[in-house]
């Protein structure tokens, strides 16, 4: 009987530590979606800035600069 009282806490502790290190499928999917959004945001900023630099006289150049700045301002802080 005393052997069970020794093994049971050790087993529970081992199970607890192995379960804590694993991310759930939902957490992994959320991280992948966040990374994809971040990559799309970076690409959009690049496109807007390139447009504004290549066509500075275009009436939409100022709007492109504003959109790039807004996307950068809305980016999550790291």
Protein backbone atom coordinates (compact mmCIF):
# COMPACT_ATOMS: atom_id res chain seq x y z
CA UNK A 1 0.00 0.00 0.00
CA UNK A 2 2.77 2.45 0.85
CA UNK A 3 4.35 1.73 -2.52
CA UNK A 4 1.21 3.06 -4.28
CA UNK A 5 1.40 6.28 -2.27
CA UNK A 6 4.98 6.75 -3.47
CA UNK A 7 4.40 5.85 -7.13
CA UNK A 8 1.11 7.70 -7.62
CA UNK A 9 2.46 11.25 -7.00
CA UNK A 10 5.53 10.50 -9.13
CA UNK A 11 3.34 9.27 -11.98
CA UNK A 12 1.02 12.29 -11.75
CA UNK A 13 4.00 14.65 -11.78
CA UNK A 14 5.49 12.94 -14.82
CA UNK A 15 2.19 13.15 -16.70
CA UNK A 16 1.76 16.80 -15.76
CA UNK A 17 5.18 17.82 -17.11
CA UNK A 18 4.82 15.92 -20.37
CA UNK A 19 1.40 17.45 -21.06
CA UNK A 20 2.56 21.03 -20.42
CA UNK A 21 5.17 21.07 -23.16
CA UNK A 22 2.82 20.13 -25.99
CA UNK A 23 0.74 22.70 -27.86
CA UNK A 24 -2.75 21.77 -28.87
CA UNK A 25 -3.78 21.63 -32.51
CA UNK A 26 -5.87 24.78 -32.01
CA UNK A 27 -2.87 26.67 -30.61
CA UNK A 28 -0.69 25.55 -33.50
CA UNK A 29 -3.37 26.60 -36.01
CA UNK A 30 -3.71 30.01 -34.34
CA UNK A 31 0.05 30.54 -34.54
CA UNK A 32 0.07 29.59 -38.22
CA UNK A 33 -2.79 32.00 -38.99
CA UNK A 34 -1.04 34.81 -37.10
CA UNK A 35 2.20 34.19 -39.01
CA UNK A 36 0.32 34.22 -42.31
CA UNK A 37 -1.44 37.50 -41.43
CA UNK A 38 1.90 39.03 -40.46
CA UNK A 39 3.49 37.95 -43.74
CA UNK A 40 0.56 39.34 -45.75
CA UNK A 41 0.76 42.62 -43.84
CA UNK A 42 4.49 42.94 -44.54
CA UNK A 43 3.92 42.23 -48.22
CA UNK A 44 1.13 44.81 -48.45
CA UNK A 45 3.35 47.48 -46.85
CA UNK A 46 6.07 46.63 -49.36
CA UNK A 47 3.65 46.91 -52.31
CA UNK A 48 2.23 50.25 -51.15
CA UNK A 49 5.68 51.74 -50.57
CA UNK A 50 7.01 50.50 -53.90
CA UNK A 51 4.03 52.01 -55.70
CA UNK A 52 4.51 55.35 -53.95
CA UNK A 53 8.23 55.40 -54.79
CA UNK A 54 7.81 54.38 -58.43
CA UNK A 55 4.88 56.71 -59.15
CA UNK A 56 5.33 59.73 -56.86
CA UNK A 57 3.22 61.96 -59.14
CA UNK A 58 0.26 59.58 -59.20
CA UNK A 59 -2.70 60.88 -57.18
CA UNK A 60 -2.89 57.55 -55.37
CA UNK A 61 0.75 57.71 -54.17
CA UNK A 62 -0.18 59.68 -51.05
CA UNK A 63 -2.95 57.19 -50.29
CA UNK A 64 -0.50 54.31 -50.72
CA UNK A 65 1.89 55.93 -48.23
CA UNK A 66 -0.96 56.38 -45.76
CA UNK A 67 -2.05 52.76 -46.09
CA UNK A 68 1.52 51.54 -45.57
CA UNK A 69 1.87 53.69 -42.46
CA UNK A 70 -1.50 52.54 -41.11
CA UNK A 71 -0.59 48.88 -41.59
CA UNK A 72 2.69 49.37 -39.79
CA UNK A 73 1.01 51.23 -36.94
CA UNK A 74 -1.58 48.47 -36.54
CA UNK A 75 1.07 45.73 -36.43
CA UNK A 76 1.31 43.86 -33.13
CA UNK A 77 4.20 45.03 -30.96
CA UNK A 78 6.86 42.45 -30.23
